[in-house]
Protein backbone atom coordinates (compact mmCIF):
# COMPACT_ATOMS: atom_id res chain seq x y z
CA MET A 1 -28.76 20.98 -14.73
CA LYS A 2 -27.77 20.57 -11.09
CA THR A 3 -24.19 21.41 -10.10
CA VAL A 4 -22.70 20.18 -6.81
CA ASP A 5 -19.73 22.16 -5.49
CA CYS A 6 -16.92 20.86 -3.30
CA ASP A 7 -13.27 21.51 -2.49
CA TYR A 8 -12.21 17.91 -3.19
CA PHE A 9 -13.91 15.43 -5.49
CA VAL A 10 -12.81 11.80 -5.01
CA VAL A 11 -13.78 9.11 -7.52
CA GLY A 12 -13.54 5.62 -6.03
CA THR A 13 -14.04 4.02 -2.63
CA GLY A 14 -11.22 1.52 -2.26
CA MET A 15 -8.25 2.16 0.00
CA ALA A 16 -6.83 4.93 -2.22
CA GLY A 17 -10.13 6.78 -2.44
CA LEU A 18 -11.36 6.47 1.14
CA MET A 19 -7.97 7.25 2.69
CA SER A 20 -7.62 10.30 0.42
CA ALA A 21 -11.07 11.46 1.54
CA LEU A 22 -10.30 10.89 5.22
CA HIS A 23 -7.05 12.87 5.02
CA LEU A 24 -8.73 15.71 3.09
CA ALA A 25 -11.84 16.00 5.25
CA SER A 26 -10.20 18.44 7.66
CA TYR A 27 -9.26 20.82 4.84
CA GLY A 28 -12.63 21.38 3.18
CA LYS A 29 -15.76 19.84 1.71
CA VAL A 30 -15.19 16.39 0.22
CA VAL A 31 -17.52 14.57 -2.16
CA VAL A 32 -16.86 10.86 -2.81
CA VAL A 33 -18.62 8.85 -5.52
CA SER A 34 -18.81 5.11 -6.00
CA LYS A 35 -20.41 3.62 -9.08
CA GLY A 36 -21.83 0.84 -6.92
CA ARG A 37 -21.78 0.28 -3.18
CA LEU A 38 -18.84 1.55 -1.14
CA LYS A 39 -17.54 -2.02 -0.86
CA ASP A 40 -17.54 -2.69 -4.61
CA CYS A 41 -13.78 -2.37 -5.06
CA ASN A 42 -10.60 -4.43 -5.31
CA THR A 43 -9.53 -3.51 -1.77
CA ASN A 44 -12.46 -5.43 -0.34
CA PHE A 45 -11.26 -8.63 -2.05
CA ALA A 46 -7.58 -8.36 -1.07
CA GLN A 47 -6.52 -11.35 0.98
CA GLY A 48 -2.78 -11.27 1.62
CA GLY A 49 -1.84 -8.04 3.34
CA ILE A 50 0.14 -4.81 3.26
CA CYS A 51 3.91 -4.46 3.02
CA CYS A 52 5.67 -2.49 5.73
CA VAL A 53 9.17 -2.87 7.15
CA MET A 54 8.78 -3.33 10.90
CA ASP A 55 11.04 -6.24 11.85
CA GLU A 56 14.47 -5.30 13.23
CA ALA A 57 16.12 -7.77 10.86
CA ASP A 58 14.53 -6.04 7.85
CA THR A 59 15.37 -2.67 6.24
CA PHE A 60 13.82 -0.19 3.81
CA ASP A 61 16.74 -0.81 1.47
CA LYS A 62 15.95 -4.54 1.38
CA HIS A 63 12.29 -3.84 0.67
CA ALA A 64 13.23 -1.36 -2.06
CA ARG A 65 15.65 -3.84 -3.63
CA ASP A 66 13.02 -6.61 -3.64
CA THR A 67 10.60 -4.18 -5.28
CA MET A 68 13.10 -3.18 -7.97
CA ILE A 69 14.03 -6.81 -8.69
CA ALA A 70 10.38 -7.86 -9.02
CA GLY A 71 9.77 -4.86 -11.31
CA ALA A 72 12.63 -5.94 -13.63
CA TRP A 73 14.49 -2.74 -12.68
CA LEU A 74 11.95 -0.55 -14.47
CA GLY A 75 10.78 1.08 -11.25
CA ASN A 76 11.80 4.56 -10.20
CA SER A 77 14.30 4.03 -7.38
CA LYS A 78 13.54 7.36 -5.69
CA VAL A 79 9.80 6.69 -5.74
CA VAL A 80 10.31 3.14 -4.48
CA HIS A 81 12.34 4.31 -1.49
CA THR A 82 9.90 7.15 -0.73
CA ILE A 83 6.87 4.85 -0.66
CA CYS A 84 8.61 2.09 1.31
CA GLU A 85 9.89 4.58 3.89
CA ASN A 86 6.45 6.16 4.37
CA ALA A 87 4.70 2.82 4.90
CA PRO A 88 4.92 2.73 8.73
CA GLU A 89 3.01 6.02 9.08
CA ALA A 90 0.46 4.81 6.56
CA ILE A 91 -0.07 1.56 8.48
CA GLY A 92 -0.68 3.79 11.50
CA ASP A 93 -3.53 5.46 9.59
CA LEU A 94 -5.30 2.11 9.28
CA ILE A 95 -4.69 1.25 12.92
CA ASP A 96 -6.23 4.62 13.80
CA CYS A 97 -9.28 3.57 11.75
CA GLY A 98 -9.59 0.50 13.94
CA VAL A 99 -7.91 -2.22 11.86
CA LYS A 100 -6.56 -4.94 14.13
CA PHE A 101 -3.60 -6.55 12.40
CA ALA A 102 -2.53 -10.02 13.52
CA LYS A 103 -0.09 -10.32 16.41
CA LYS A 104 1.89 -13.17 17.92
CA ASP A 105 1.38 -14.45 21.44
CA ASP A 106 4.19 -12.17 22.68
CA GLY A 107 2.40 -9.10 21.31
CA SER A 108 4.74 -8.52 18.35
CA TRP A 109 3.38 -8.19 14.81
CA ASP A 110 2.69 -11.46 13.03
CA LEU A 111 4.41 -10.51 9.79
CA THR A 112 4.16 -12.94 6.90
CA ARG A 113 6.13 -13.40 3.67
CA GLU A 114 5.11 -13.76 0.03
CA GLY A 115 6.79 -14.46 -3.30
CA GLY A 116 9.65 -12.12 -4.20
CA HIS A 117 10.24 -10.93 -0.62
CA SER A 118 13.52 -11.54 1.19
CA ALA A 119 11.97 -11.07 4.64
CA ARG A 120 8.71 -11.22 6.56
CA ARG A 121 7.22 -7.74 6.23
CA ILE A 122 3.55 -8.17 5.41
CA PHE A 123 0.89 -7.01 7.85
CA HIS A 124 -2.29 -9.05 7.65
CA ALA A 125 -5.63 -9.51 9.34
CA GLY A 126 -6.05 -13.22 8.72
CA ASP A 127 -6.80 -13.94 5.08
CA ILE A 128 -9.40 -11.19 4.62
CA THR A 129 -7.13 -8.21 5.20
CA GLY A 130 -8.73 -6.07 2.50
CA GLU A 131 -12.26 -6.62 3.78
CA LYS A 132 -11.31 -5.69 7.34
CA CYS A 133 -9.50 -2.55 6.13
CA GLU A 134 -12.41 -1.55 3.90
CA ASN A 135 -14.93 -1.98 6.72
CA ALA A 136 -12.80 0.07 9.09
CA MET A 137 -12.37 2.91 6.58
CA ILE A 138 -16.10 2.97 5.81
CA ARG A 139 -16.88 3.25 9.52
CA SER A 140 -14.40 6.13 9.79
CA VAL A 141 -15.76 7.94 6.73
CA LYS A 142 -19.31 7.71 8.02
CA LYS A 143 -18.25 9.48 11.23
CA THR A 144 -17.26 12.57 9.19
CA ASP A 145 -19.29 15.02 7.10
CA ILE A 146 -17.87 13.63 3.84
CA ASP A 147 -20.60 13.61 1.17
CA ILE A 148 -20.84 9.97 0.01
CA ARG A 149 -22.71 9.23 -3.21
CA GLU A 150 -23.14 5.56 -4.05
CA ASN A 151 -24.45 4.25 -7.39
CA THR A 152 -22.98 7.27 -9.15
CA ILE A 153 -20.83 6.76 -12.23
CA VAL A 154 -18.61 9.41 -13.83
CA ILE A 155 -19.35 10.02 -17.52
CA ASP A 156 -16.44 12.33 -18.37
CA LEU A 157 -14.15 14.84 -16.73
CA VAL A 158 -14.90 18.50 -17.42
CA MET A 159 -11.94 20.31 -19.01
CA THR A 160 -11.90 24.09 -19.32
CA LYS A 161 -10.89 24.14 -22.99
CA ARG A 162 -13.60 21.66 -23.90
CA ILE A 163 -16.25 24.01 -22.51
CA GLY A 164 -14.77 27.03 -24.29
CA LEU A 165 -12.85 28.74 -21.46
CA LYS A 166 -9.57 30.50 -22.15
CA GLY A 167 -6.30 30.05 -20.34
CA GLU A 168 -4.64 26.93 -18.99
CA ASN A 169 -6.52 23.72 -19.73
CA ARG A 170 -7.45 22.19 -16.41
CA CYS A 171 -9.91 19.77 -14.83
CA ILE A 172 -12.78 21.40 -12.95
CA GLY A 173 -14.85 18.34 -12.06
CA ALA A 174 -17.00 15.87 -13.95
CA TYR A 175 -20.39 14.96 -15.35
CA VAL A 176 -21.92 12.08 -13.41
CA LEU A 177 -24.88 9.76 -13.81
CA ASP A 178 -27.05 8.81 -10.85
CA LYS A 179 -27.74 5.13 -11.59
CA THR A 180 -30.78 5.06 -9.33
CA THR A 181 -32.69 8.05 -10.77
CA GLY A 182 -31.06 8.39 -14.21
CA GLU A 183 -30.24 12.05 -13.50
CA ILE A 184 -27.10 13.51 -15.08
CA TYR A 185 -25.50 16.39 -13.20
CA ALA A 186 -22.11 18.01 -12.61
CA ILE A 187 -19.77 17.90 -9.64
CA ARG A 188 -17.58 21.00 -9.74
CA SER A 189 -14.27 21.04 -7.92
CA PRO A 190 -10.80 22.56 -8.36
CA ASN A 191 -9.33 19.27 -7.08
CA THR A 192 -10.42 15.97 -8.64
CA ILE A 193 -8.80 12.75 -7.39
CA LEU A 194 -9.16 9.58 -9.46
CA ALA A 195 -8.90 6.44 -7.30
CA THR A 196 -10.92 4.09 -9.48
CA GLY A 197 -8.84 0.92 -9.25
CA GLY A 198 -7.88 -1.38 -12.09
CA CYS A 199 -9.10 -2.79 -15.39
CA GLY A 200 -9.15 -6.55 -14.80
CA LYS A 201 -12.52 -6.91 -16.52
CA VAL A 202 -10.84 -6.15 -19.84
CA TYR A 203 -9.84 -9.85 -19.75
CA LEU A 204 -12.13 -12.85 -19.97
CA TYR A 205 -10.72 -14.43 -16.80
CA THR A 206 -10.03 -12.14 -13.86
CA CYS A 207 -10.15 -12.18 -10.08
CA ASN A 208 -11.24 -8.53 -10.07
CA PRO A 209 -14.79 -7.47 -9.14
CA ASP A 210 -17.21 -6.44 -11.90
CA SER A 211 -16.48 -2.77 -11.16
CA ALA A 212 -12.87 -3.01 -12.44
CA THR A 213 -13.48 -1.59 -15.93
CA GLY A 214 -10.57 0.86 -16.10
CA ASP A 215 -12.75 3.94 -15.67
CA GLY A 216 -10.06 6.22 -14.23
CA VAL A 217 -7.50 5.51 -16.95
CA ALA A 218 -10.11 6.00 -19.69
CA LEU A 219 -11.43 9.22 -18.13
CA ALA A 220 -7.92 10.66 -17.79
CA TRP A 221 -6.89 9.63 -21.30
CA ARG A 222 -9.98 11.24 -22.84
CA ALA A 223 -9.15 14.39 -20.85
CA GLY A 224 -5.63 14.46 -22.36
CA ALA A 225 -3.53 12.95 -19.54
CA LYS A 226 -0.37 10.95 -20.18
CA ILE A 227 -0.71 7.19 -19.73
CA GLU A 228 2.27 5.01 -18.81
CA ASN A 229 3.26 1.32 -19.04
CA MET A 230 -0.17 -0.15 -19.76
CA GLU A 231 1.41 -3.26 -21.27
CA PHE A 232 2.25 -4.55 -17.79
CA ILE A 233 -0.86 -6.43 -16.70
CA GLN A 234 -0.23 -8.77 -13.81
CA PHE A 235 -1.86 -12.18 -13.88
CA HIS A 236 -2.30 -13.65 -10.42
CA PRO A 237 -0.86 -17.16 -10.66
CA THR A 238 -3.33 -18.90 -8.37
CA CYS A 239 -7.02 -18.25 -8.94
CA LEU A 240 -9.16 -21.17 -7.73
CA TYR A 241 -10.13 -23.36 -10.68
CA HIS A 242 -13.72 -24.48 -10.17
CA PRO A 243 -16.81 -23.87 -12.32
CA GLN A 244 -18.67 -22.26 -9.42
CA ALA A 245 -15.75 -20.28 -7.96
CA LYS A 246 -16.08 -16.85 -9.54
CA ARG A 247 -12.89 -14.75 -9.12
CA PHE A 248 -11.75 -16.39 -5.88
CA LEU A 249 -8.01 -16.06 -5.22
CA ILE A 250 -5.78 -18.43 -3.36
CA SER A 251 -3.59 -15.81 -1.70
CA GLU A 252 0.11 -15.66 -2.39
CA ALA A 253 0.50 -15.92 1.38
CA VAL A 254 -0.43 -19.61 1.02
CA ARG A 255 2.77 -20.14 -0.96
CA GLY A 256 4.56 -17.86 1.48
CA GLU A 257 3.61 -20.28 4.25
CA GLY A 258 4.87 -23.34 2.42
CA ALA A 259 2.49 -24.32 -0.38
CA VAL A 260 4.19 -25.84 -3.44
CA LEU A 261 2.96 -25.77 -7.03
CA VAL A 262 2.60 -29.27 -8.48
CA ASP A 263 1.13 -30.98 -11.54
CA ARG A 264 -1.85 -33.37 -11.46
CA ASN A 265 0.50 -36.20 -10.43
CA GLY A 266 1.76 -34.24 -7.45
CA ARG A 267 5.17 -33.48 -9.00
CA GLU A 268 6.71 -30.09 -8.15
CA PHE A 269 7.61 -28.18 -11.33
CA MET A 270 8.55 -24.59 -10.45
CA SER A 271 12.19 -25.42 -9.66
CA LYS A 272 12.85 -26.07 -13.35
CA TYR A 273 11.68 -22.55 -14.19
CA ASP A 274 13.25 -20.54 -11.37
CA PRO A 275 15.65 -21.33 -8.48
CA ARG A 276 13.22 -19.67 -6.05
CA GLY A 277 10.65 -22.32 -6.92
CA SER A 278 7.09 -21.54 -5.83
CA LEU A 279 8.27 -18.31 -4.16
CA ALA A 280 9.37 -16.70 -7.41
CA PRO A 281 7.72 -13.35 -8.32
CA ARG A 282 4.24 -13.46 -9.79
CA ASP A 283 5.17 -12.83 -13.42
CA ILE A 284 7.53 -15.79 -13.46
CA VAL A 285 5.08 -18.06 -11.64
CA ALA A 286 2.16 -17.12 -13.92
CA ARG A 287 4.25 -17.63 -17.05
CA SER A 288 5.57 -20.95 -15.74
CA ILE A 289 2.04 -22.20 -15.00
CA ASP A 290 0.93 -21.09 -18.46
CA SER A 291 3.87 -22.99 -20.00
CA GLU A 292 3.18 -26.10 -17.92
CA MET A 293 -0.51 -26.13 -18.87
CA LYS A 294 0.32 -25.76 -22.57
CA ARG A 295 2.96 -28.49 -22.34
CA THR A 296 0.70 -31.01 -20.61
CA GLY A 297 -2.66 -29.97 -22.03
CA ASP A 298 -4.07 -29.83 -18.50
CA ASP A 299 -6.73 -27.27 -17.56
CA CYS A 300 -5.00 -26.27 -14.34
CA VAL A 301 -2.13 -26.95 -11.94
CA TYR A 302 -2.31 -27.45 -8.18
CA LEU A 303 -1.16 -26.04 -4.85
CA ASP A 304 -0.05 -28.54 -2.21
CA ILE A 305 -0.03 -27.33 1.40
CA ARG A 306 -1.26 -30.55 2.99
CA LYS A 307 1.85 -30.87 5.15
CA LYS A 308 0.76 -27.92 7.29
CA GLY A 309 -2.18 -29.79 8.73
CA ARG A 310 -5.83 -28.90 9.28
CA LYS A 311 -5.40 -27.04 12.59
CA TYR A 312 -2.82 -24.63 11.18
CA LEU A 313 -4.68 -24.06 7.90
CA MET A 314 -8.00 -23.35 9.62
CA SER A 315 -6.26 -20.87 11.93
CA ARG A 316 -4.06 -19.06 9.39
CA PHE A 317 -6.38 -19.18 6.36
CA PRO A 318 -9.91 -19.53 7.77
CA ASN A 319 -11.68 -17.80 4.86
CA ILE A 320 -9.73 -19.63 2.14
CA TYR A 321 -10.14 -22.95 3.96
CA GLU A 322 -13.89 -22.48 4.33
CA LYS A 323 -14.31 -21.33 0.72
CA CYS A 324 -12.37 -24.27 -0.68
CA LEU A 325 -14.34 -26.65 1.54
CA SER A 326 -17.59 -25.23 0.14
CA PHE A 327 -16.43 -26.49 -3.28
CA GLY A 328 -15.48 -29.91 -1.91
CA ILE A 329 -11.76 -29.18 -1.58
CA ASP A 330 -10.15 -29.84 1.80
CA MET A 331 -6.80 -28.00 1.87
CA ALA A 332 -5.58 -30.36 4.59
CA LYS A 333 -5.88 -33.45 2.39
CA ASP A 334 -6.58 -32.32 -1.19
CA LEU A 335 -4.56 -30.54 -3.86
CA ILE A 336 -6.02 -27.11 -4.70
CA PRO A 337 -6.66 -26.60 -8.45
CA VAL A 338 -5.50 -23.16 -9.66
CA VAL A 339 -5.04 -21.15 -12.87
CA PRO A 340 -3.69 -17.65 -13.62
CA ALA A 341 -6.19 -14.78 -13.96
CA ALA A 342 -5.87 -11.06 -14.77
CA HIS A 343 -5.22 -9.35 -11.47
CA TYR A 344 -3.48 -5.96 -11.46
CA ALA A 345 -2.48 -3.13 -13.81
CA CYS A 346 1.05 -1.95 -13.03
CA GLY A 347 0.71 0.97 -15.46
CA GLY A 348 -1.91 3.67 -15.63
CA ILE A 349 -2.22 7.43 -15.41
CA LYS A 350 1.30 8.85 -15.20
CA ALA A 351 1.52 10.42 -11.75
CA THR A 352 3.95 11.35 -9.02
CA CYS A 353 3.82 9.55 -5.68
CA ASP A 354 1.85 12.54 -4.34
CA GLY A 355 -0.73 12.09 -7.07
CA GLN A 356 0.12 14.84 -9.53
CA THR A 357 -0.77 14.07 -13.16
CA SER A 358 -0.01 15.93 -16.38
CA ILE A 359 -3.34 17.79 -16.04
CA PRO A 360 -3.73 20.69 -13.58
CA GLY A 361 -6.49 20.05 -11.06
CA LEU A 362 -6.38 16.26 -11.58
CA SER A 363 -4.71 13.76 -9.24
CA ALA A 364 -4.50 9.97 -9.49
CA VAL A 365 -3.96 7.53 -6.61
CA GLY A 366 -3.82 3.76 -6.30
CA GLU A 367 -4.04 1.17 -9.06
CA CYS A 368 -5.26 3.61 -11.71
CA ALA A 369 -2.02 5.59 -11.30
CA SER A 370 1.47 4.75 -12.52
CA THR A 371 3.85 6.24 -9.95
CA GLY A 372 7.00 4.30 -10.77
CA LEU A 373 6.74 1.93 -7.80
CA HIS A 374 5.90 -1.29 -9.61
CA GLY A 375 7.97 -1.06 -12.76
CA ALA A 376 7.33 -4.06 -15.00
CA ASN A 377 5.77 -6.21 -12.26
CA ARG A 378 4.23 -5.53 -8.85
CA LEU A 379 5.82 -7.13 -5.82
CA ALA A 380 3.21 -8.97 -3.77
CA SER A 381 1.29 -6.82 -1.25
CA ASN A 382 2.88 -3.58 -2.45
CA SER A 383 -0.43 -2.38 -3.93
CA LEU A 384 -2.29 -1.56 -0.72
CA MET A 385 0.89 -0.02 0.64
CA GLU A 386 1.07 2.26 -2.40
CA ALA A 387 -2.59 3.22 -2.07
CA LEU A 388 -2.16 4.11 1.61
CA VAL A 389 1.07 6.06 1.23
CA CYS A 390 0.08 7.92 -1.94
CA ALA A 391 -3.31 8.88 -0.47
CA ARG A 392 -1.48 10.41 2.48
CA LEU A 393 1.10 12.18 0.27
CA THR A 394 -1.55 13.45 -2.17
CA ALA A 395 -3.61 14.90 0.65
CA GLY A 396 -0.44 16.49 2.02
CA ARG A 397 0.12 18.20 -1.34
CA ILE A 398 -3.38 19.46 -2.13
CA GLY A 399 -4.85 19.72 1.37
CA PRO A 400 -3.01 22.64 3.01
CA LYS A 401 -2.69 24.62 -0.24
CA PRO A 402 -5.48 23.41 -2.52
CA GLU A 403 -6.32 24.65 -5.97
CA THR A 404 -9.24 27.04 -5.60
CA PHE A 405 -11.62 28.89 -7.85
CA GLU A 406 -11.49 32.67 -7.64
CA ARG A 407 -14.18 33.85 -5.22
CA GLY A 408 -17.46 34.28 -7.04
CA LYS A 409 -15.93 33.22 -10.33
CA ALA A 410 -16.23 29.45 -10.39
CA PRO A 411 -16.41 28.40 -14.06
CA LYS A 412 -19.92 27.57 -15.23
CA ILE A 413 -20.30 23.97 -16.41
CA PRO A 414 -22.70 23.73 -19.37
CA ALA A 415 -25.73 21.46 -19.12
CA TRP A 416 -25.26 17.92 -20.40
CA LYS A 417 -26.39 17.68 -24.02
CA THR A 418 -28.27 14.60 -25.19
CA GLY A 419 -28.77 15.86 -28.75
CA ALA A 420 -30.87 13.45 -30.79
CA ALA A 421 -29.99 10.45 -28.61
CA VAL A 422 -32.80 8.01 -27.84
CA PRO A 423 -33.20 5.31 -25.19
CA PRO A 424 -31.19 2.18 -26.07
CA ASP A 425 -33.24 -0.68 -27.49
CA GLU A 426 -30.56 -3.27 -28.29
CA ALA A 427 -28.72 -4.13 -25.09
CA VAL A 428 -27.53 -7.33 -26.76
CA LEU A 429 -25.11 -5.23 -28.83
CA VAL A 430 -23.42 -3.94 -25.68
CA ALA A 431 -23.18 -7.45 -24.23
CA HIS A 432 -21.74 -8.81 -27.48
CA MET A 433 -19.08 -6.08 -27.81
CA TRP A 434 -18.17 -6.45 -24.13
CA ASP A 435 -17.70 -10.20 -24.57
CA GLU A 436 -15.70 -9.83 -27.79
CA ILE A 437 -13.23 -7.38 -26.23
CA ARG A 438 -12.59 -9.62 -23.25
CA ARG A 439 -12.12 -12.74 -25.35
CA LEU A 440 -9.76 -11.16 -27.87
CA MET A 441 -7.68 -9.63 -25.05
CA TRP A 442 -7.41 -13.03 -23.36
CA ASP A 443 -6.50 -14.83 -26.58
CA TYR A 444 -4.17 -12.24 -28.16
CA VAL A 445 -2.85 -10.02 -25.35
CA GLY A 446 -2.44 -12.45 -22.47
CA ILE A 447 0.48 -13.87 -20.51
CA VAL A 448 2.53 -14.69 -23.63
CA ARG A 449 2.31 -12.37 -26.67
CA THR A 450 3.46 -12.14 -30.29
CA ASP A 451 3.46 -9.34 -32.85
CA LYS A 452 0.94 -11.25 -34.93
CA ARG A 453 -1.50 -11.58 -32.04
CA LEU A 454 -1.09 -7.93 -31.06
CA ASP A 455 -1.64 -6.76 -34.65
CA ARG A 456 -4.81 -8.83 -34.86
CA ALA A 457 -6.06 -7.39 -31.58
CA ALA A 458 -5.28 -3.83 -32.69
CA ARG A 459 -7.23 -4.20 -35.95
CA ARG A 460 -10.32 -5.60 -34.28
CA LEU A 461 -10.23 -3.09 -31.43
CA LYS A 462 -10.10 -0.21 -33.90
CA THR A 463 -13.33 -1.44 -35.44
CA LEU A 464 -14.94 -2.09 -32.07
CA ARG A 465 -14.00 1.38 -30.79
CA ARG A 466 -15.73 2.89 -33.83
CA GLU A 467 -18.85 0.78 -33.28
CA ILE A 468 -18.92 1.70 -29.59
CA ARG A 469 -18.49 5.39 -30.36
CA ASP A 470 -21.41 5.28 -32.81
CA TYR A 471 -23.56 3.49 -30.25
CA TYR A 472 -22.57 5.94 -27.50
CA PHE A 473 -23.69 9.01 -29.44
CA ARG A 474 -26.83 7.40 -30.87
CA TYR A 475 -28.36 6.36 -27.55
CA LEU A 476 -28.79 7.91 -24.10
CA VAL A 477 -25.96 6.97 -21.74
CA THR A 478 -26.38 4.01 -19.44
CA PRO A 479 -23.94 2.49 -16.90
CA ASP A 480 -23.33 -0.46 -19.25
CA THR A 481 -22.43 1.71 -22.24
CA LEU A 482 -20.15 3.89 -20.10
CA GLU A 483 -18.27 0.86 -18.79
CA LEU A 484 -18.03 -0.67 -22.27
CA ARG A 485 -16.64 2.61 -23.60
CA ASN A 486 -14.00 2.72 -20.86
CA LEU A 487 -13.15 -0.95 -21.23
CA ALA A 488 -12.49 -0.51 -24.96
CA VAL A 489 -10.18 2.46 -24.31
CA CYS A 490 -8.13 0.45 -21.80
CA ALA A 491 -7.90 -2.52 -24.16
CA GLU A 492 -6.58 -0.28 -26.92
CA LEU A 493 -4.06 1.40 -24.59
CA ILE A 494 -2.76 -1.99 -23.43
CA VAL A 495 -2.30 -3.15 -27.04
CA ARG A 496 -0.69 0.12 -28.17
CA SER A 497 1.75 -0.01 -25.25
CA ALA A 498 2.56 -3.69 -25.84
CA ARG A 499 3.32 -3.04 -29.51
CA LYS A 500 5.75 -0.27 -28.57
CA ARG A 501 7.81 -2.46 -26.23
CA ARG A 502 10.24 -4.49 -28.36
CA GLU A 503 11.61 -6.64 -25.55
CA SER A 504 10.45 -9.04 -22.86
CA ARG A 505 10.47 -7.48 -19.42
CA GLY A 506 8.50 -8.38 -16.33
CA LEU A 507 4.86 -8.97 -17.15
CA HIS A 508 5.30 -8.24 -20.86
CA TYR A 509 6.62 -11.42 -22.46
CA THR A 510 6.72 -11.71 -26.26
CA LEU A 511 8.00 -14.64 -28.30
CA ASP A 512 9.23 -12.21 -30.98
CA TYR A 513 11.53 -10.37 -28.57
CA PRO A 514 12.32 -12.87 -25.79
CA LYS A 515 15.37 -11.00 -24.45
CA THR A 516 15.40 -8.03 -22.08
CA SER A 517 16.88 -4.85 -23.50
CA LYS A 518 19.80 -3.22 -21.70
CA LYS A 519 18.04 0.12 -22.12
CA ILE A 520 15.56 1.05 -19.39
CA ARG A 521 12.60 2.98 -20.77
CA GLN A 522 8.97 3.64 -19.95
CA THR A 523 6.11 3.37 -22.45
CA ILE A 524 4.28 6.69 -22.45
CA LEU A 525 1.16 7.44 -24.50
CA ASP A 526 -0.14 10.97 -24.85
CA GLY A 527 -3.76 11.57 -23.95
CA PHE A 528 -6.56 11.93 -26.46
CA LYS A 529 -6.38 15.23 -28.34
CA GLY A 530 -9.87 15.24 -29.85
């Protein structure tokens, strides 16, 4: 079996992964893998922007307070301040990559505002900020000698104890599958960085790309890492509701610039749920829309930004305007139909803001990590900020003084064993199990939960996990079975975490425990011990 050696092994090519790789490139050999193309990530679909205090009227303390309020005070105050205060340098990293953020006519930054923010502090590049950032980072990466491997999916992390080595149990790389050739080989490294993004595909309706199957969380959990706060799944309140509009978001910046949520008769309804109206934090807005739809029986609600006029809308939101128009919706004269959709995982692999996990040799950055920034609900546009800052801090920790293998004594990784596995001949089983997981998560573990629904989900997931495990060991691995396996792990972790939280806080709302407890606590699950 082939073994590829490197000093730093980065899994994922969104903002967290590519910025980690760029920062680490000067310290040693970096290998980056993407299970699809480099662009197949959540970053590429981000519309709104990146938080960063830059206006003289704004302060880090205000940003930190807004973050803590949105997170229902479950965030780690020290971490929140650290990440907010490091944002300006991190924005500079993107500018160095060539990102041109919007400016006003006088040359000052054109900062915008979104729900939950008390000031304008969001850098943007029109309404395709993520795409422009992703393109700039890819251009920068390709100018280096970073080893980029597309269409390469990680099967499992390699742990020293699992391969029979004595001493401290640590991560020394991973087994990977080349999707193009079918070859399975090992990437060996004393420093593995998971930057795999979220797990939105665990739900039937999501604005995430097809790659968001929770791979990093599942990989880390199987390796024994601690997982934190997986019950907090953020549902974006305003995903375009149209049969042909797959996962297209109407950015929160649209509400930040004056759009109002209304019912099919044009009546504003958010003010009866929250005094901040349509600018309330996402968890409140998503829950309010869910309540309104159940009350009226309507399939969607609407955004009304007609008062801004066509000229302004085409200038400020050119991509959103054009996309809506392609579906016959003119933002300047029509209401925009929207529904909530699974969007972001606030929990994940328990990690420090410089990426350190509970496993030596393993770091986690970005959405797959739970640093303590988001608490029970992510403040709008804090995600890309976290990815940028934590990539920089992680590289600062492991770059100058990296973990290294003793010279000439790098641990040997055993060849991948297929045993008696045979090529799969019933792909329909994978498709069926995939569909069942996503439907039961949407129906039983969605925006509003109950003990009864969670218990039902837990029972069925236990059976599905067993069926998936049997299938996994019976047949040769394929990308579909690997993603299904990871998806099932994430679903179970979300349910287990939700059942442990006996209160309603932030994104976790349960009819059985509608009040928020006075006690602040995290939900921590130990990694798999098998």
